[in-house]
Amino acid sequence: MRIFVKILLSVNIAFIASVIVFSQVGKSEWRPVKPAGFFASWAKIGDGFSVKFVKTSGERRPLLLEITSSEIAKAKSVAIRFRLKLAKAQTASLVILAFGQSGEVWFKVSSPVLANVGEYELAIPLKGLQLAAFSEVKKAFDPMKVRRFQIGLALDGKCEGVWEIYSISLIDKPFRPIKPFALPFSPEIQLFLVHDTAAKPKTAIVSEDGKLIWRTEFSIPGGRHMYVLPILPVPDTDLTGYSGLRLIYRARLPMGIKALLITLVERDGSHYYTDWLATPTDEWKTLTIPFNEFRLGGWSQDENGKLDLDQIGSIIVGIHGTTSEQEGSGTIEVKSISFVL
């Protein structure tokens, strides 16, 4: 079994180009960048900001904060704690732009974040920045040359809402969170599903007793190896400050399938899995899996053979194996997924 999971994130070049026309002000403080083509009203709140915005056009536009300093070159990630509220159920993507001293421009569009689901605390690694097509100088990303840095939201379509940023900082050491990071569930989240062609699965975020859960239902033929792999994206964040994964689940599995296949997938497609801890249960069960329980899949490859906690891009909670039934069916339900200290 060889599985490659790729989550493609598109970038509107016109959107990126629109941010380079704004002048620099100050030397070390974060400050709002005047948006192009829509209304935004910024206010200072404690150590952060609040911005109300209304966007009536359909094209992608950025809502950005900026900092200028020679110290930017030392940063390994940008830590941000925020809450996003939108009038409609939508998503937005975090975007990073880095400007070099000689005219270089690099960018990164992160995984989408959900609105109206609570507070996020992320440390976005400053890895994987790509050269912008309009960059005056064509060079690979070099943090030592960065003198101006921006982070914000890439807003698609017509929208209005409030973005509350409680804290934001560039950090030069591994991120040290103060509480577990729970992955938010919402019907708007984009799930993926990889499965054997003979399997018949479906996966969705659904409501049960007023709470949202991740449910996968499937049927598989017996007598041969099958796999059903529902995939939940993980926001682009550095997880090195966490010790493991906590899962609240229940599962009904066909005879012969002894446990769930739980896999952490790096953004380059490397799969690290455990397949013996999450056994079937009719009641909700809480399972905490230390990161050292995950091992590289034999169907996968990695450049260093090590689970990189700053590169995790998605999580799989599925099954593989052979059922002794003529046709086996099952249900996997996940109430909560969180990374714990």
C-alpha atoms as a PDB file:
ATOM      1  CA  MET A   1       0.000   0.000   0.000  1.00  0.00           C
ATOM      2  CA  ARG A   2       1.478   3.334  -1.074  1.00  0.00           C
ATOM      3  CA  ILE A   3      -0.416   6.483  -0.304  1.00  0.00           C
ATOM      4  CA  PHE A   4       0.581  10.022  -1.096  1.00  0.00           C
ATOM      5  CA  VAL A   5      -1.508  12.809   0.459  1.00  0.00           C
ATOM      6  CA  LYS A   6      -1.123  16.258  -1.029  1.00  0.00           C
ATOM      7  CA  ILE A   7      -3.137  19.267   0.101  1.00  0.00           C
ATOM      8  CA  LEU A   8      -2.679  21.867  -2.605  1.00  0.00           C
ATOM      9  CA  LEU A   9      -2.949  25.499  -1.564  1.00  0.00           C
ATOM     10  CA  SER A  10      -3.298  27.989  -4.400  1.00  0.00           C
ATOM     11  CA  VAL A  11      -1.990  31.541  -4.229  1.00  0.00           C
ATOM     12  CA  ASN A  12      -3.370  34.458  -6.189  1.00  0.00           C
ATOM     13  CA  ILE A  13      -0.270  36.303  -7.445  1.00  0.00           C
ATOM     14  CA  ALA A  14      -2.188  39.538  -7.895  1.00  0.00           C
ATOM     15  CA  PHE A  15      -3.143  39.362  -4.205  1.00  0.00           C
ATOM     16  CA  ILE A  16       0.499  39.024  -3.125  1.00  0.00           C
ATOM     17  CA  ALA A  17       1.707  41.758  -5.448  1.00  0.00           C
ATOM     18  CA  SER A  18      -0.806  44.205  -3.979  1.00  0.00           C
ATOM     19  CA  VAL A  19       0.930  44.279  -0.584  1.00  0.00           C
ATOM     20  CA  ILE A  20       4.360  45.516  -1.662  1.00  0.00           C
ATOM     21  CA  VAL A  21       3.225  49.085  -2.376  1.00  0.00           C
ATOM     22  CA  PHE A  22       2.788  50.065   1.282  1.00  0.00           C
ATOM     23  CA  SER A  23       5.545  52.062   2.963  1.00  0.00           C
ATOM     24  CA  GLN A  24       7.397  51.024   6.103  1.00  0.00           C
ATOM     25  CA  VAL A  25       6.716  52.880   9.362  1.00  0.00           C
ATOM     26  CA  GLY A  26       8.631  52.410  12.633  1.00  0.00           C
ATOM     27  CA  LYS A  27      11.313  49.841  13.445  1.00  0.00           C
ATOM     28  CA  SER A  28      10.133  47.191  15.876  1.00  0.00           C
ATOM     29  CA  GLU A  29       6.379  47.330  16.514  1.00  0.00           C
ATOM     30  CA  TRP A  30       3.684  45.362  14.773  1.00  0.00           C
ATOM     31  CA  ARG A  31       1.392  47.641  12.806  1.00  0.00           C
ATOM     32  CA  PRO A  32      -1.576  47.179  10.451  1.00  0.00           C
ATOM     33  CA  VAL A  33      -1.097  47.413   6.690  1.00  0.00           C
ATOM     34  CA  LYS A  34      -3.743  49.437   4.896  1.00  0.00           C
ATOM     35  CA  PRO A  35      -5.816  46.928   2.906  1.00  0.00           C
ATOM     36  CA  ALA A  36      -6.403  47.312  -0.819  1.00  0.00           C
ATOM     37  CA  GLY A  37      -9.948  47.144  -2.116  1.00  0.00           C
ATOM     38  CA  PHE A  38     -11.970  46.694   1.085  1.00  0.00           C
ATOM     39  CA  PHE A  39     -12.791  48.341   4.410  1.00  0.00           C
ATOM     40  CA  ALA A  40     -10.906  47.529   7.622  1.00  0.00           C
ATOM     41  CA  SER A  41     -10.951  49.347  10.955  1.00  0.00           C
ATOM     42  CA  TRP A  42      -8.094  48.454  13.349  1.00  0.00           C
ATOM     43  CA  ALA A  43      -7.972  48.998  17.122  1.00  0.00           C
ATOM     44  CA  LYS A  44      -5.312  48.162  19.704  1.00  0.00           C
ATOM     45  CA  ILE A  45      -6.406  45.696  22.418  1.00  0.00           C
ATOM     46  CA  GLY A  46      -3.870  44.901  25.131  1.00  0.00           C
ATOM     47  CA  ASP A  47      -0.844  43.282  23.494  1.00  0.00           C
ATOM     48  CA  GLY A  48      -2.727  42.703  20.267  1.00  0.00           C
ATOM     49  CA  PHE A  49      -5.234  44.087  17.806  1.00  0.00           C
ATOM     50  CA  SER A  50      -8.847  43.862  16.764  1.00  0.00           C
ATOM     51  CA  VAL A  51      -9.960  44.587  13.212  1.00  0.00           C
ATOM     52  CA  LYS A  52     -13.461  44.820  11.778  1.00  0.00           C
ATOM     53  CA  PHE A  53     -13.621  44.309   8.033  1.00  0.00           C
ATOM     54  CA  VAL A  54     -16.120  44.265   5.190  1.00  0.00           C
ATOM     55  CA  LYS A  55     -15.114  42.869   1.810  1.00  0.00           C
ATOM     56  CA  THR A  56     -17.595  43.148  -1.072  1.00  0.00           C
ATOM     57  CA  SER A  57     -15.414  41.870  -3.921  1.00  0.00           C
ATOM     58  CA  GLY A  58     -14.906  38.255  -4.925  1.00  0.00           C
ATOM     59  CA  GLU A  59     -11.142  38.146  -5.486  1.00  0.00           C
ATOM     60  CA  ARG A  60      -8.624  37.114  -2.838  1.00  0.00           C
ATOM     61  CA  ARG A  61      -7.354  40.011  -0.721  1.00  0.00           C
ATOM     62  CA  PRO A  62      -4.999  40.158   2.298  1.00  0.00           C
ATOM     63  CA  LEU A  63      -5.580  41.577   5.772  1.00  0.00           C
ATOM     64  CA  LEU A  64      -2.082  42.087   7.176  1.00  0.00           C
ATOM     65  CA  LEU A  65       0.108  43.097  10.102  1.00  0.00           C
ATOM     66  CA  GLU A  66       3.728  44.066   9.515  1.00  0.00           C
ATOM     67  CA  ILE A  67       6.988  44.385  11.413  1.00  0.00           C
ATOM     68  CA  THR A  68      10.382  45.699  10.272  1.00  0.00           C
ATOM     69  CA  SER A  69      13.579  44.853  12.116  1.00  0.00           C
ATOM     70  CA  SER A  70      17.035  43.390  11.538  1.00  0.00           C
ATOM     71  CA  GLU A  71      16.144  40.828  14.237  1.00  0.00           C
ATOM     72  CA  ILE A  72      13.589  39.140  11.957  1.00  0.00           C
ATOM     73  CA  ALA A  73      16.375  37.045  10.430  1.00  0.00           C
ATOM     74  CA  LYS A  74      16.773  35.122  13.710  1.00  0.00           C
ATOM     75  CA  ALA A  75      13.132  34.001  13.906  1.00  0.00           C
ATOM     76  CA  LYS A  76      12.182  30.334  13.518  1.00  0.00           C
ATOM     77  CA  SER A  77       8.405  30.795  13.711  1.00  0.00           C
ATOM     78  CA  VAL A  78       5.696  33.352  14.309  1.00  0.00           C
ATOM     79  CA  ALA A  79       3.453  32.680  17.320  1.00  0.00           C
ATOM     80  CA  ILE A  80      -0.071  34.029  17.120  1.00  0.00           C
ATOM     81  CA  ARG A  81      -3.109  33.631  19.362  1.00  0.00           C
ATOM     82  CA  PHE A  82      -6.368  34.782  17.813  1.00  0.00           C
ATOM     83  CA  ARG A  83     -10.070  34.327  17.233  1.00  0.00           C
ATOM     84  CA  LEU A  84     -11.792  34.783  13.866  1.00  0.00           C
ATOM     85  CA  LYS A  85     -15.473  35.688  13.631  1.00  0.00           C
ATOM     86  CA  LEU A  86     -17.254  35.800  10.284  1.00  0.00           C
ATOM     87  CA  ALA A  87     -20.872  36.654   9.550  1.00  0.00           C
ATOM     88  CA  LYS A  88     -21.166  33.448   7.496  1.00  0.00           C
ATOM     89  CA  ALA A  89     -19.624  30.017   7.945  1.00  0.00           C
ATOM     90  CA  GLN A  90     -16.391  30.437   5.996  1.00  0.00           C
ATOM     91  CA  THR A  91     -12.686  29.772   6.235  1.00  0.00           C
ATOM     92  CA  ALA A  92      -9.651  31.977   5.733  1.00  0.00           C
ATOM     93  CA  SER A  93      -6.002  31.091   5.242  1.00  0.00           C
ATOM     94  CA  LEU A  94      -3.097  32.515   7.185  1.00  0.00           C
ATOM     95  CA  VAL A  95      -0.501  34.031   4.885  1.00  0.00           C
ATOM     96  CA  ILE A  96       3.138  34.983   5.501  1.00  0.00           C
ATOM     97  CA  LEU A  97       5.233  37.334   3.389  1.00  0.00           C
ATOM     98  CA  ALA A  98       8.953  37.986   3.885  1.00  0.00           C
ATOM     99  CA  PHE A  99      10.779  40.807   2.124  1.00  0.00           C
ATOM    100  CA  GLY A 100      14.545  40.638   1.585  1.00  0.00           C
ATOM    101  CA  GLN A 101      17.010  43.498   1.673  1.00  0.00           C
ATOM    102  CA  SER A 102      17.703  43.266  -2.068  1.00  0.00           C
ATOM    103  CA  GLY A 103      14.157  43.035  -3.371  1.00  0.00           C
ATOM    104  CA  GLU A 104      13.486  39.360  -2.706  1.00  0.00           C
ATOM    105  CA  VAL A 105       9.906  38.429  -1.781  1.00  0.00           C
ATOM    106  CA  TRP A 106       8.951  35.030  -0.366  1.00  0.00           C
ATOM    107  CA  PHE A 107       5.524  33.800   0.703  1.00  0.00           C
ATOM    108  CA  LYS A 108       3.656  30.968   2.372  1.00  0.00           C
ATOM    109  CA  VAL A 109      -0.091  30.309   2.462  1.00  0.00           C
ATOM    110  CA  SER A 110      -1.000  28.133   5.424  1.00  0.00           C
ATOM    111  CA  SER A 111      -3.810  25.637   5.824  1.00  0.00           C
ATOM    112  CA  PRO A 112      -7.251  27.259   6.180  1.00  0.00           C
ATOM    113  CA  VAL A 113      -8.446  28.183   9.657  1.00  0.00           C
ATOM    114  CA  LEU A 114     -12.104  28.009  10.613  1.00  0.00           C
ATOM    115  CA  ALA A 115     -14.179  30.957  11.752  1.00  0.00           C
ATOM    116  CA  ASN A 116     -16.550  30.960  14.729  1.00  0.00           C
ATOM    117  CA  VAL A 117     -14.990  27.911  16.396  1.00  0.00           C
ATOM    118  CA  GLY A 118     -13.047  29.492  19.248  1.00  0.00           C
ATOM    119  CA  GLU A 119      -9.487  30.507  19.922  1.00  0.00           C
ATOM    120  CA  TYR A 120      -6.431  29.415  17.965  1.00  0.00           C
ATOM    121  CA  GLU A 121      -2.879  29.376  19.323  1.00  0.00           C
ATOM    122  CA  LEU A 122      -0.411  28.577  16.544  1.00  0.00           C
ATOM    123  CA  ALA A 123       3.313  28.815  15.978  1.00  0.00           C
ATOM    124  CA  ILE A 124       3.725  28.853  12.221  1.00  0.00           C
ATOM    125  CA  PRO A 125       7.199  27.637  11.160  1.00  0.00           C
ATOM    126  CA  LEU A 126       9.127  29.928   8.852  1.00  0.00           C
ATOM    127  CA  LYS A 127       9.907  26.973   6.628  1.00  0.00           C
ATOM    128  CA  GLY A 128       8.682  26.260   3.163  1.00  0.00           C
ATOM    129  CA  LEU A 129       8.496  29.864   2.006  1.00  0.00           C
ATOM    130  CA  GLN A 130       8.441  30.077  -1.782  1.00  0.00           C
ATOM    131  CA  LEU A 131       9.763  32.748  -4.088  1.00  0.00           C
ATOM    132  CA  ALA A 132       7.023  35.053  -5.365  1.00  0.00           C
ATOM    133  CA  ALA A 133       6.752  35.213  -9.144  1.00  0.00           C
ATOM    134  CA  PHE A 134       7.100  39.014  -9.121  1.00  0.00           C
ATOM    135  CA  SER A 135      10.172  39.045  -6.849  1.00  0.00           C
ATOM    136  CA  GLU A 136      12.826  41.439  -8.108  1.00  0.00           C
ATOM    137  CA  VAL A 137      15.584  39.012  -7.125  1.00  0.00           C
ATOM    138  CA  LYS A 138      15.258  35.290  -7.889  1.00  0.00           C
ATOM    139  CA  LYS A 139      16.811  33.530  -4.910  1.00  0.00           C
ATOM    140  CA  ALA A 140      15.780  30.733  -2.572  1.00  0.00           C
ATOM    141  CA  PHE A 141      14.499  31.752   0.859  1.00  0.00           C
ATOM    142  CA  ASP A 142      17.286  33.099   3.050  1.00  0.00           C
ATOM    143  CA  PRO A 143      16.134  34.216   6.523  1.00  0.00           C
ATOM    144  CA  MET A 144      19.313  36.214   7.038  1.00  0.00           C
ATOM    145  CA  LYS A 145      18.195  38.617   4.308  1.00  0.00           C
ATOM    146  CA  VAL A 146      14.686  39.270   5.630  1.00  0.00           C
ATOM    147  CA  ARG A 147      14.109  42.817   6.857  1.00  0.00           C
ATOM    148  CA  ARG A 148      10.332  43.170   6.581  1.00  0.00           C
ATOM    149  CA  PHE A 149       7.779  40.570   7.579  1.00  0.00           C
ATOM    150  CA  GLN A 150       3.996  40.362   7.250  1.00  0.00           C
ATOM    151  CA  ILE A 151       1.384  37.934   8.539  1.00  0.00           C
ATOM    152  CA  GLY A 152      -2.336  38.028   7.998  1.00  0.00           C
ATOM    153  CA  LEU A 153      -5.443  36.482   6.545  1.00  0.00           C
ATOM    154  CA  ALA A 154      -6.072  35.665   2.901  1.00  0.00           C
ATOM    155  CA  LEU A 155      -9.767  36.416   2.448  1.00  0.00           C
ATOM    156  CA  ASP A 156     -11.657  34.831  -0.436  1.00  0.00           C
ATOM    157  CA  GLY A 157     -15.010  36.008  -1.703  1.00  0.00           C
ATOM    158  CA  LYS A 158     -17.410  38.442  -0.091  1.00  0.00           C
ATOM    159  CA  CYS A 159     -17.145  38.435   3.684  1.00  0.00           C
ATOM    160  CA  GLU A 160     -17.359  40.515   6.826  1.00  0.00           C
ATOM    161  CA  GLY A 161     -16.259  39.878  10.349  1.00  0.00           C
ATOM    162  CA  VAL A 162     -13.874  40.549  13.194  1.00  0.00           C
ATOM    163  CA  TRP A 163     -10.339  39.244  13.649  1.00  0.00           C
ATOM    164  CA  GLU A 164      -9.110  39.492  17.250  1.00  0.00           C
ATOM    165  CA  ILE A 165      -5.357  38.985  17.689  1.00  0.00           C
ATOM    166  CA  TYR A 166      -4.543  38.583  21.381  1.00  0.00           C
ATOM    167  CA  SER A 167      -0.788  38.137  20.989  1.00  0.00           C
ATOM    168  CA  ILE A 168       1.715  37.942  18.164  1.00  0.00           C
ATOM    169  CA  SER A 169       5.484  37.532  18.204  1.00  0.00           C
ATOM    170  CA  LEU A 170       8.416  36.258  16.204  1.00  0.00           C
ATOM    171  CA  ILE A 171      10.278  33.607  18.188  1.00  0.00           C
ATOM    172  CA  ASP A 172      13.760  32.166  17.725  1.00  0.00           C
ATOM    173  CA  LYS A 173      13.276  29.048  19.881  1.00  0.00           C
ATOM    174  CA  PRO A 174      10.848  26.110  19.793  1.00  0.00           C
ATOM    175  CA  PHE A 175       7.336  27.202  20.679  1.00  0.00           C
ATOM    176  CA  ARG A 176       6.255  26.453  24.263  1.00  0.00           C
ATOM    177  CA  PRO A 177       2.452  26.348  24.464  1.00  0.00           C
ATOM    178  CA  ILE A 178       0.602  26.773  27.754  1.00  0.00           C
ATOM    179  CA  LYS A 179      -2.403  24.547  27.009  1.00  0.00           C
ATOM    180  CA  PRO A 180      -3.423  21.674  24.717  1.00  0.00           C
ATOM    181  CA  PHE A 181      -4.299  22.488  21.125  1.00  0.00           C
ATOM    182  CA  ALA A 182      -7.697  21.057  20.123  1.00  0.00           C
ATOM    183  CA  LEU A 183      -8.418  20.694  16.424  1.00  0.00           C
ATOM    184  CA  PRO A 184     -11.708  22.461  15.717  1.00  0.00           C
ATOM    185  CA  PHE A 185     -14.543  20.557  14.038  1.00  0.00           C
ATOM    186  CA  SER A 186     -16.922  22.305  11.654  1.00  0.00           C
ATOM    187  CA  PRO A 187     -19.103  21.214   8.718  1.00  0.00           C
ATOM    188  CA  GLU A 188     -17.095  23.687   6.610  1.00  0.00           C
ATOM    189  CA  ILE A 189     -13.794  21.900   7.153  1.00  0.00           C
ATOM    190  CA  GLN A 190     -12.421  20.225   4.037  1.00  0.00           C
ATOM    191  CA  LEU A 191     -12.025  16.517   4.706  1.00  0.00           C
ATOM    192  CA  PHE A 192     -10.220  14.097   2.391  1.00  0.00           C
ATOM    193  CA  LEU A 193     -10.809  10.391   1.860  1.00  0.00           C
ATOM    194  CA  VAL A 194      -8.359   7.844   0.423  1.00  0.00           C
ATOM    195  CA  HIS A 195      -9.579   4.256   0.070  1.00  0.00           C
ATOM    196  CA  ASP A 196      -9.329   1.013  -1.843  1.00  0.00           C
ATOM    197  CA  THR A 197     -11.500   1.063  -4.953  1.00  0.00           C
ATOM    198  CA  ALA A 198     -13.548  -1.868  -3.624  1.00  0.00           C
ATOM    199  CA  ALA A 199     -14.365  -0.070  -0.362  1.00  0.00           C
ATOM    200  CA  LYS A 200     -17.512   2.012   0.053  1.00  0.00           C
ATOM    201  CA  PRO A 201     -16.831   4.786   2.601  1.00  0.00           C
ATOM    202  CA  LYS A 202     -18.118   8.242   3.462  1.00  0.00           C
ATOM    203  CA  THR A 203     -16.825  10.757   5.982  1.00  0.00           C
ATOM    204  CA  ALA A 204     -18.220  14.039   7.333  1.00  0.00           C
ATOM    205  CA  ILE A 205     -18.422  16.356  10.311  1.00  0.00           C
ATOM    206  CA  VAL A 206     -21.915  15.813  11.700  1.00  0.00           C
ATOM    207  CA  SER A 207     -23.990  16.951  14.662  1.00  0.00           C
ATOM    208  CA  GLU A 208     -24.926  14.506  17.412  1.00  0.00           C
ATOM    209  CA  ASP A 209     -26.733  15.596  20.583  1.00  0.00           C
ATOM    210  CA  GLY A 210     -25.892  19.186  19.749  1.00  0.00           C
ATOM    211  CA  LYS A 211     -22.145  18.542  19.382  1.00  0.00           C
ATOM    212  CA  LEU A 212     -20.022  18.143  16.270  1.00  0.00           C
ATOM    213  CA  ILE A 213     -18.194  14.860  15.710  1.00  0.00           C
ATOM    214  CA  TRP A 214     -16.168  13.370  12.852  1.00  0.00           C
ATOM    215  CA  ARG A 215     -17.948  10.268  11.553  1.00  0.00           C
ATOM    216  CA  THR A 216     -16.753   7.759   8.965  1.00  0.00           C
ATOM    217  CA  GLU A 217     -18.925   4.874   7.790  1.00  0.00           C
ATOM    218  CA  PHE A 218     -17.663   2.155   5.477  1.00  0.00           C
ATOM    219  CA  SER A 219     -18.146  -1.305   4.060  1.00  0.00           C
ATOM    220  CA  ILE A 220     -15.381  -3.529   2.668  1.00  0.00           C
ATOM    221  CA  PRO A 221     -15.346  -6.922   0.942  1.00  0.00           C
ATOM    222  CA  GLY A 222     -13.814  -9.840   2.825  1.00  0.00           C
ATOM    223  CA  GLY A 223     -10.854 -12.023   2.008  1.00  0.00           C
ATOM    224  CA  ARG A 224      -8.386  -9.369   0.867  1.00  0.00           C
ATOM    225  CA  HIS A 225      -6.529  -6.408   2.303  1.00  0.00           C
ATOM    226  CA  MET A 226      -8.534  -3.179   2.345  1.00  0.00           C
ATOM    227  CA  TYR A 227      -7.899   0.370   3.526  1.00  0.00           C
ATOM    228  CA  VAL A 228     -10.150   3.338   4.312  1.00  0.00           C
ATOM    229  CA  LEU A 229      -8.289   6.499   5.274  1.00  0.00           C
ATOM    230  CA  PRO A 230     -10.314   9.616   6.177  1.00  0.00           C
ATOM    231  CA  ILE A 231      -8.040  12.640   6.513  1.00  0.00           C
ATOM    232  CA  LEU A 232      -8.409  15.751   8.649  1.00  0.00           C
ATOM    233  CA  PRO A 233      -6.092  18.705   7.852  1.00  0.00           C
ATOM    234  CA  VAL A 234      -4.013  20.183  10.678  1.00  0.00           C
ATOM    235  CA  PRO A 235      -3.331  23.941  10.689  1.00  0.00           C
ATOM    236  CA  ASP A 236       0.250  24.826   9.831  1.00  0.00           C
ATOM    237  CA  THR A 237       1.824  25.011  13.292  1.00  0.00           C
ATOM    238  CA  ASP A 238       4.940  23.917  15.144  1.00  0.00           C
ATOM    239  CA  LEU A 239       3.953  21.067  17.488  1.00  0.00           C
ATOM    240  CA  THR A 240       7.396  20.569  19.077  1.00  0.00           C
ATOM    241  CA  GLY A 241       6.070  21.897  22.389  1.00  0.00           C
ATOM    242  CA  TYR A 242       3.558  19.052  22.666  1.00  0.00           C
ATOM    243  CA  SER A 243       4.163  15.467  23.820  1.00  0.00           C
ATOM    244  CA  GLY A 244       1.448  13.495  22.060  1.00  0.00           C
ATOM    245  CA  LEU A 245      -1.977  13.119  20.541  1.00  0.00           C
ATOM    246  CA  ARG A 246      -5.208  12.718  22.518  1.00  0.00           C
ATOM    247  CA  LEU A 247      -8.205  11.124  20.836  1.00  0.00           C
ATOM    248  CA  ILE A 248     -11.771  10.681  22.118  1.00  0.00           C
ATOM    249  CA  TYR A 249     -13.405   8.090  19.901  1.00  0.00           C
ATOM    250  CA  ARG A 250     -15.651   5.076  19.570  1.00  0.00           C
ATOM    251  CA  ALA A 251     -15.505   2.498  16.800  1.00  0.00           C
ATOM    252  CA  ARG A 252     -17.348  -0.529  15.502  1.00  0.00           C
ATOM    253  CA  LEU A 253     -15.064  -2.557  13.234  1.00  0.00           C
ATOM    254  CA  PRO A 254     -15.549  -5.684  11.071  1.00  0.00           C
ATOM    255  CA  MET A 255     -14.240  -9.018  12.319  1.00  0.00           C
ATOM    256  CA  GLY A 256     -10.514  -9.298  11.645  1.00  0.00           C
ATOM    257  CA  ILE A 257      -9.858  -5.548  11.924  1.00  0.00           C
ATOM    258  CA  LYS A 258      -8.400  -5.316  15.421  1.00  0.00           C
ATOM    259  CA  ALA A 259      -7.754  -1.587  15.800  1.00  0.00           C
ATOM    260  CA  LEU A 260      -7.871   1.783  14.099  1.00  0.00           C
ATOM    261  CA  LEU A 261      -5.006   3.017  11.953  1.00  0.00           C
ATOM    262  CA  ILE A 262      -3.963   6.415  13.324  1.00  0.00           C
ATOM    263  CA  THR A 263      -1.450   8.271  11.188  1.00  0.00           C
ATOM    264  CA  LEU A 264       0.292  11.642  11.351  1.00  0.00           C
ATOM    265  CA  VAL A 265       1.204  12.891   7.880  1.00  0.00           C
ATOM    266  CA  GLU A 266       4.006  15.365   7.297  1.00  0.00           C
ATOM    267  CA  ARG A 267       3.510  18.044   4.662  1.00  0.00           C
ATOM    268  CA  ASP A 268       5.899  16.226   2.318  1.00  0.00           C
ATOM    269  CA  GLY A 269       3.648  13.124   2.440  1.00  0.00           C
ATOM    270  CA  SER A 270       5.644  11.045   4.970  1.00  0.00           C
ATOM    271  CA  HIS A 271       3.334   8.783   7.031  1.00  0.00           C
ATOM    272  CA  TYR A 272       3.945   7.950  10.713  1.00  0.00           C
ATOM    273  CA  TYR A 273       1.429   5.520  12.175  1.00  0.00           C
ATOM    274  CA  THR A 274       0.277   3.400  15.063  1.00  0.00           C
ATOM    275  CA  ASP A 275      -2.287   0.653  14.487  1.00  0.00           C
ATOM    276  CA  TRP A 276      -2.703  -1.246  17.749  1.00  0.00           C
ATOM    277  CA  LEU A 277      -3.719   1.223  20.446  1.00  0.00           C
ATOM    278  CA  ALA A 278      -7.206   2.313  19.364  1.00  0.00           C
ATOM    279  CA  THR A 279      -9.228  -0.882  19.770  1.00  0.00           C
ATOM    280  CA  PRO A 280     -12.992  -1.126  19.053  1.00  0.00           C
ATOM    281  CA  THR A 281     -15.338   0.254  21.698  1.00  0.00           C
ATOM    282  CA  ASP A 282     -19.070   0.948  21.942  1.00  0.00           C
ATOM    283  CA  GLU A 283     -18.486   3.708  24.508  1.00  0.00           C
ATOM    284  CA  TRP A 284     -16.515   6.920  24.135  1.00  0.00           C
ATOM    285  CA  LYS A 285     -12.886   6.212  24.975  1.00  0.00           C
ATOM    286  CA  THR A 286     -10.058   8.686  25.621  1.00  0.00           C
ATOM    287  CA  LEU A 287      -6.689   7.589  24.286  1.00  0.00           C
ATOM    288  CA  THR A 288      -3.428   9.531  24.637  1.00  0.00           C
ATOM    289  CA  ILE A 289      -0.654   8.458  22.259  1.00  0.00           C
ATOM    290  CA  PRO A 290       2.890   9.776  22.841  1.00  0.00           C
ATOM    291  CA  PHE A 291       4.597  10.914  19.665  1.00  0.00           C
ATOM    292  CA  ASN A 292       7.296   8.249  20.150  1.00  0.00           C
ATOM    293  CA  GLU A 293       4.637   5.576  19.516  1.00  0.00           C
ATOM    294  CA  PHE A 294       4.408   6.648  15.869  1.00  0.00           C
ATOM    295  CA  ARG A 295       6.706   4.948  13.370  1.00  0.00           C
ATOM    296  CA  LEU A 296       7.405   5.494   9.674  1.00  0.00           C
ATOM    297  CA  GLY A 297       5.121   3.430   7.442  1.00  0.00           C
ATOM    298  CA  GLY A 298       6.766   0.795   5.296  1.00  0.00           C
ATOM    299  CA  TRP A 299       4.894   2.219   2.286  1.00  0.00           C
ATOM    300  CA  SER A 300       6.292   5.686   2.963  1.00  0.00           C
ATOM    301  CA  GLN A 301       9.619   7.501   2.773  1.00  0.00           C
ATOM    302  CA  ASP A 302      11.138  10.396   4.702  1.00  0.00           C
ATOM    303  CA  GLU A 303      14.400  12.248   4.219  1.00  0.00           C
ATOM    304  CA  ASN A 304      15.415  11.817   7.869  1.00  0.00           C
ATOM    305  CA  GLY A 305      13.245   8.903   9.063  1.00  0.00           C
ATOM    306  CA  LYS A 306      12.005  11.017  11.980  1.00  0.00           C
ATOM    307  CA  LEU A 307       8.595  12.486  12.746  1.00  0.00           C
ATOM    308  CA  ASP A 308       9.100  16.249  12.422  1.00  0.00           C
ATOM    309  CA  LEU A 309       6.601  17.957  14.705  1.00  0.00           C
ATOM    310  CA  ASP A 310       6.889  21.243  12.849  1.00  0.00           C
ATOM    311  CA  GLN A 311       5.819  19.585   9.589  1.00  0.00           C
ATOM    312  CA  ILE A 312       2.592  17.727  10.505  1.00  0.00           C
ATOM    313  CA  GLY A 313      -0.078  18.618   7.971  1.00  0.00           C
ATOM    314  CA  SER A 314      -2.894  16.129   8.529  1.00  0.00           C
ATOM    315  CA  ILE A 315      -4.135  13.242  10.636  1.00  0.00           C
ATOM    316  CA  ILE A 316      -5.742   9.979   9.518  1.00  0.00           C
ATOM    317  CA  VAL A 317      -8.147   7.990  11.687  1.00  0.00           C
ATOM    318  CA  GLY A 318      -9.075   4.982   9.575  1.00  0.00           C
ATOM    319  CA  ILE A 319      -8.583   1.251   9.090  1.00  0.00           C
ATOM    320  CA  HIS A 320      -6.610  -1.263   7.088  1.00  0.00           C
ATOM    321  CA  GLY A 321      -6.537  -5.039   7.061  1.00  0.00           C
ATOM    322  CA  THR A 322      -8.612  -8.050   6.028  1.00  0.00           C
ATOM    323  CA  THR A 323     -12.041  -8.910   7.353  1.00  0.00           C
ATOM    324  CA  SER A 324     -13.184 -12.494   7.672  1.00  0.00           C
ATOM    325  CA  GLU A 325     -16.752 -11.443   6.899  1.00  0.00           C
ATOM    326  CA  GLN A 326     -18.120 -11.701   3.386  1.00  0.00           C
ATOM    327  CA  GLU A 327     -18.780  -7.982   3.556  1.00  0.00           C
ATOM    328  CA  GLY A 328     -17.737  -6.117   6.656  1.00  0.00           C
ATOM    329  CA  SER A 329     -19.084  -2.750   7.743  1.00  0.00           C
ATOM    330  CA  GLY A 330     -18.002  -0.342  10.422  1.00  0.00           C
ATOM    331  CA  THR A 331     -18.287   3.132  11.898  1.00  0.00           C
ATOM    332  CA  ILE A 332     -15.549   5.373  13.300  1.00  0.00           C
ATOM    333  CA  GLU A 333     -16.611   8.378  15.372  1.00  0.00           C
ATOM    334  CA  VAL A 334     -14.226  10.986  16.772  1.00  0.00           C
ATOM    335  CA  LYS A 335     -15.451  13.480  19.363  1.00  0.00           C
ATOM    336  CA  SER A 336     -12.156  15.282  19.941  1.00  0.00           C
ATOM    337  CA  ILE A 337      -8.566  15.418  18.664  1.00  0.00           C
ATOM    338  CA  SER A 338      -6.002  17.468  20.540  1.00  0.00           C
ATOM    339  CA  PHE A 339      -2.258  17.777  20.932  1.00  0.00           C
ATOM    340  CA  VAL A 340      -1.318  17.647  24.605  1.00  0.00           C
ATOM    341  CA  LEU A 341       1.564  18.983  26.681  1.00  0.00           C
END
